[in-house]
Each structure stands twice: as structure tokens, then as C-alpha cells.
Protein backbone atom coordinates (compact mmCIF):
# COMPACT_ATOMS: atom_id res chain seq x y z
CA MET A 1 45.95 151.92 70.35
CA ARG A 2 46.25 149.15 67.89
CA LYS A 3 48.42 147.01 70.34
CA LEU A 4 46.33 147.40 73.35
CA LEU A 5 43.38 146.12 70.96
CA THR A 6 45.54 143.15 69.78
CA ALA A 7 46.62 142.38 73.50
CA PHE A 8 42.85 142.50 74.46
CA LEU A 9 41.70 139.83 71.85
CA LEU A 10 44.39 137.66 72.73
CA ALA A 11 43.44 137.95 76.43
CA LEU A 12 39.63 137.19 75.12
CA LEU A 13 40.73 134.30 72.78
CA ALA A 14 42.83 132.60 75.55
CA ALA A 15 39.98 133.03 78.27
CA SER A 16 37.80 131.58 75.76
CA LEU A 17 40.06 128.51 75.02
CA SER A 18 40.34 128.30 78.61
CA GLY A 19 36.72 128.20 79.28
CA CYS A 20 35.96 125.48 76.36
CA GLY A 21 38.78 123.09 77.84
CA TYR A 22 41.49 123.67 75.74
CA ASN A 23 44.27 124.17 78.63
CA THR A 24 42.62 120.89 80.13
CA ILE A 25 42.91 118.90 77.12
CA GLN A 26 46.73 119.97 76.71
CA GLU A 27 47.20 119.24 80.13
CA LYS A 28 45.46 115.37 79.88
CA GLU A 29 47.32 114.77 76.65
CA GLU A 30 50.61 115.56 78.11
CA ALA A 31 49.65 113.03 80.95
CA VAL A 32 49.29 110.29 78.59
CA ASP A 33 52.50 111.01 77.25
CA ALA A 34 54.47 110.98 80.17
CA ALA A 35 52.44 107.60 81.36
CA TRP A 36 53.23 106.02 78.15
CA SER A 37 57.13 106.90 78.23
CA GLN A 38 57.20 105.04 81.87
CA VAL A 39 55.34 102.01 79.60
CA LEU A 40 58.36 101.92 77.47
CA ASN A 41 60.84 102.24 79.95
CA VAL A 42 59.91 99.40 82.13
CA TYR A 43 59.28 97.49 79.21
CA LYS A 44 62.84 97.71 77.74
CA ARG A 45 64.31 97.34 81.12
CA ARG A 46 62.63 93.72 80.62
CA ALA A 47 64.09 93.35 77.30
CA ASP A 48 67.60 93.89 78.47
CA LEU A 49 67.18 91.36 81.35
CA VAL A 50 66.54 88.52 78.72
CA PRO A 51 70.44 88.34 77.29
CA ASN A 52 71.91 87.78 80.71
CA LEU A 53 69.02 85.51 81.92
CA VAL A 54 69.25 83.35 78.37
CA ALA A 55 73.26 83.16 78.97
CA THR A 56 72.89 82.12 82.57
CA VAL A 57 70.28 79.42 81.77
CA ARG A 58 72.06 78.11 78.61
CA GLY A 59 75.33 77.34 81.17
CA TYR A 60 73.41 74.69 82.85
CA ALA A 61 70.70 73.73 80.19
CA SER A 62 72.24 74.25 77.08
CA HIS A 63 70.10 71.34 75.82
CA GLU A 64 66.99 73.39 76.11
CA GLN A 65 67.44 74.72 72.81
CA GLN A 66 64.14 75.21 71.70
CA VAL A 67 62.96 77.51 74.65
CA LEU A 68 66.26 79.56 74.61
CA THR A 69 65.33 80.22 70.96
CA GLN A 70 61.69 81.07 71.72
CA VAL A 71 63.10 83.85 74.30
CA THR A 72 65.55 85.36 72.03
CA GLU A 73 63.18 85.41 69.10
CA ALA A 74 60.42 87.01 70.95
CA ARG A 75 62.85 89.87 72.47
CA ALA A 76 64.24 90.52 68.87
CA ARG A 77 60.59 90.82 67.61
CA VAL A 78 59.97 93.21 70.44
CA GLY A 79 62.89 95.48 69.52
CA SER A 80 62.00 95.34 65.76
CA ILE A 81 58.55 96.99 66.47
CA ASN A 82 58.26 101.07 66.25
CA VAL A 83 55.12 101.62 67.80
CA ASN A 84 52.99 104.36 67.45
CA ALA A 85 50.69 104.82 70.70
CA ASP A 86 48.07 106.85 68.65
CA ASP A 87 47.56 103.86 65.89
CA PRO A 88 45.58 101.24 67.01
CA ALA A 89 47.20 98.69 64.69
CA SER A 90 50.47 99.61 65.94
CA LEU A 91 49.62 99.72 69.50
CA ARG A 92 47.92 96.02 69.04
CA GLN A 93 51.02 94.71 67.16
CA PHE A 94 53.20 95.94 70.06
CA GLN A 95 50.77 94.66 72.90
CA GLU A 96 50.95 91.14 71.25
CA ALA A 97 54.61 91.28 70.84
CA GLN A 98 55.28 91.93 74.37
CA GLY A 99 52.69 89.42 75.36
CA GLN A 100 54.78 86.81 73.34
CA LEU A 101 57.83 88.04 75.41
CA GLN A 102 56.06 87.58 78.64
CA SER A 103 55.15 84.06 77.97
CA ALA A 104 58.72 83.00 76.60
CA ILE A 105 59.94 84.11 80.00
CA SER A 106 57.76 82.03 81.85
CA ARG A 107 58.25 79.07 79.90
CA LEU A 108 62.13 79.29 80.34
CA LEU A 109 61.54 79.86 83.94
CA VAL A 110 59.48 76.68 84.09
CA VAL A 111 62.04 74.91 82.35
CA SER A 112 64.73 76.18 85.03
CA GLU A 113 62.98 74.37 87.86
CA ASN A 114 64.45 71.07 86.53
CA TYR A 115 67.97 72.39 87.56
CA PRO A 116 68.57 72.71 90.81
CA GLN A 117 72.43 73.98 90.38
CA LEU A 118 70.99 76.89 87.97
CA LYS A 119 68.27 77.78 90.69
CA ALA A 120 71.22 77.79 93.41
CA ASP A 121 73.32 80.13 90.85
CA GLN A 122 73.88 83.84 92.65
CA ASN A 123 73.83 85.50 89.17
CA PHE A 124 70.44 83.73 88.22
CA MET A 125 68.92 84.45 91.51
CA ALA A 126 69.52 87.94 91.25
CA LEU A 127 68.19 88.02 87.76
CA GLN A 128 65.01 86.38 88.46
CA THR A 129 64.70 89.08 91.74
CA GLN A 130 65.06 91.98 88.97
CA LEU A 131 62.81 90.34 86.76
CA GLU A 132 59.95 89.86 88.95
CA SER A 133 60.64 93.44 90.11
CA THR A 134 60.18 94.77 86.71
CA GLU A 135 57.19 92.67 85.90
CA ASN A 136 55.50 94.31 88.64
CA ARG A 137 56.41 97.72 87.51
CA ILE A 138 54.95 96.91 83.91
CA SER A 139 51.57 96.04 85.60
CA THR A 140 51.76 99.35 87.55
CA GLU A 141 52.83 101.46 84.83
CA ARG A 142 50.49 99.65 82.09
CA GLN A 143 47.16 100.34 84.88
CA ARG A 144 48.52 104.28 85.15
CA TYR A 145 48.74 104.59 81.24
CA ILE A 146 45.16 103.23 81.04
CA ALA A 147 43.56 105.30 83.13
CA ALA A 148 45.33 108.17 81.77
CA VAL A 149 43.89 107.28 78.51
CA GLN A 150 40.54 106.66 79.86
CA ASP A 151 40.76 110.00 81.36
CA TYR A 152 41.72 111.57 78.15
CA ASN A 153 39.09 110.16 75.98
CA THR A 154 36.10 111.01 78.55
CA TYR A 155 37.27 114.47 78.86
CA ILE A 156 37.31 115.19 75.12
CA ARG A 157 33.72 113.78 74.76
CA ARG A 158 32.03 116.02 76.92
CA PHE A 159 30.32 119.19 75.99
CA PRO A 160 31.16 121.86 74.91
CA VAL A 161 35.06 120.48 75.22
CA ASN A 162 34.19 118.05 72.37
CA LEU A 163 33.73 121.24 70.03
CA THR A 164 37.24 122.43 71.13
CA ALA A 165 38.40 118.88 70.39
CA MET A 166 37.02 118.74 66.98
CA MET A 167 38.34 122.14 66.22
CA PHE A 168 41.88 121.54 67.09
CA GLY A 169 42.01 118.04 65.93
CA TYR A 170 42.37 116.08 69.43
CA ASP A 171 40.92 112.71 68.53
CA ARG A 172 40.58 109.98 71.06
CA LYS A 173 43.54 107.73 71.66
CA PRO A 174 43.36 103.94 71.33
CA ASN A 175 44.21 101.93 74.58
CA PHE A 176 45.59 98.56 75.70
CA THR A 177 43.06 95.72 74.89
CA VAL A 178 40.92 94.08 77.80
CA GLU A 179 41.62 90.82 76.22
CA ASN A 180 45.39 91.08 76.38
CA GLU A 181 45.71 93.11 79.59
CA ALA A 182 44.73 90.18 82.08
CA GLN A 183 47.81 88.07 80.47
CA ILE A 184 50.42 90.96 80.57
CA SER A 185 49.24 92.36 84.08
CA ASN A 186 50.14 89.12 85.67
CA ALA A 187 53.90 89.08 86.20
CA PRO A 188 54.94 85.39 85.74
CA THR A 189 55.42 84.00 89.15
CA VAL A 190 57.76 80.84 89.55
CA ASP A 191 58.73 79.41 92.89
CA PHE A 192 62.53 78.58 93.45
CA GLY A 193 62.10 78.23 97.16
CA THR A 194 62.99 74.69 98.52
CA ALA A 195 60.87 72.03 98.01
CA PRO A 196 57.79 71.49 100.69
CA GLN A 197 58.65 69.27 103.14
CA PRO A 198 56.67 66.08 103.15
CA ALA A 199 53.73 65.38 105.65
CA PRO A 200 54.88 63.72 108.35
CA ALA A 201 53.76 59.93 108.33
CA ARG A 202 50.59 59.14 110.38
CA VAL A 203 51.27 56.77 113.56
CA PRO A 204 48.49 54.21 113.70
CA ARG A 205 46.43 54.82 116.53
CA PRO A 206 46.47 51.67 118.95
CA GLN A 207 43.00 49.53 118.95
CA VAL A 208 41.44 49.76 122.25
CA LEU A 209 39.57 46.64 123.20
CA PRO A 210 36.13 46.52 125.20
CA GLU A 211 36.67 46.43 128.89
CA ALA A 212 35.19 42.94 130.20
CA GLY A 213 32.53 43.29 132.34
CA PRO A 214 31.89 41.89 135.89
CA ALA A 215 32.17 38.22 136.16
CA THR A 216 28.46 36.59 136.45
CA PRO A 217 28.45 34.39 139.38
CA GLY A 218 28.50 30.56 138.45
CA ALA A 219 29.72 31.36 135.02
CA GLN A 220 32.83 29.25 133.99
CA PRO A 221 35.59 30.57 132.43
CA ALA A 222 35.75 30.25 128.49
CA SER A 223 37.91 27.34 128.05
CA PRO A 224 40.73 27.95 125.29
CA GLN A 225 40.40 26.90 122.23
CA PRO A 226 42.87 23.94 120.74
CA LEU A 227 45.43 25.68 118.36
CA PRO A 228 45.18 24.02 114.83
CA PRO A 229 48.23 21.55 114.41
């Protein structure tokens, strides 16, 4: 009898928690965690491309030491951060470091435009393609994470779910800031195609002289003017 009563109470508790949104809170939190894992994966992928990119550029532009050092140092800062996505300060620091790395890579690509042999290097072209693809994935995964966090935060503020969240310690999660979102969401784009062809030269149009009207009867033709000596 006692076991039956215990099972009934557990079933009643489970139904109560489900009705108050407990199960849905857990599902939405798991969605946030999964989205965050994808964000970390694509950021790591970009960081892994940096050493080969720097080495390739250095082979053709070794005297561009300043921009090469900036990229290397920015990557090192990203790797040194142990980010906690539930801590606003930690997330902000991580976001700023990723933004600095993106800016450094953009400057390196701009400098690379001055070296035709580098632009024609097969390894560099492959790295450029991989980097562009990774930047697009970063933008996509960030947007998914932002949406997942917004969905979670909105849900736990609804009544009576907010009471359940308060009871079990589910707090609002920090998100990527709007100020930095526009910068990071836009992948750096550099045109490594051929230079645009110059516009064709304009051919001057021949001057059209007015046609002479019919001669007036009795009019004398104009005598030619003497040439100056």
C-alpha cells in the first residue's frame, strides 16, 4: 500500500511539474546548451585556420610583421579565455576577443591584396575559401544561439512558469550584446578576383556641320579670305 501511495505521489508531482513548465524549461535550456556548443565549434574552427593563414602570408610578405603579429596575438587571447556562457562578464570578454580576432584577420586580408603572387597561391586561395565558409557558419550559429537564449528567457518569465523557475533556480541567461553583434555577424569579405577591366575609351563623335541652304538667286559666292602671310 505504501509503495502504491508513493508511486501515486510521484506521478502527481511529475504532472504538477509538467503543468508548471518544468519539463519545458529543461528542454529549452538543453537547446541553449546545444546551440552554444555549435558556436564554440565554429569559433575553434576559425582559430585553427589562423596559423596556416599567417604562415602562408609570411612566405610572401614577411615584412608585414605588424599585422601578422596582431593576428597571432588575437588568436592567443581567444585561446586563453575560459568562457562561461552563464556569466555576463565572461561572455562579454569572450565576445570582445572574438571581435578582435575577426578585425585582425580582416586587416591581414586587406594587406594581402598588395601581393599578386600571394593571391595566386593555391594554399592561400584554399584558406580564403575555408575562412569565408567558417565566417558564414559563425554568423549562422550565433544567430541560432541568440534565438535559443531569447526563447528560454522569454519562457521562464511567463506566469506560472516563472514561479517554477524561481523555485528550481532557473535564471535568465546573458546573450551576445547588440553593440558587437553587427560587427561579428558580418563576415570579412575581400575580393581576390581579377582587377576590373578599364572602361573602353570614348570615341569622340564627329562634329556635324549644318547643311547649306539653297542658293539665293543673284547671290554672289563668298570670296575666299586671304591667308595670313
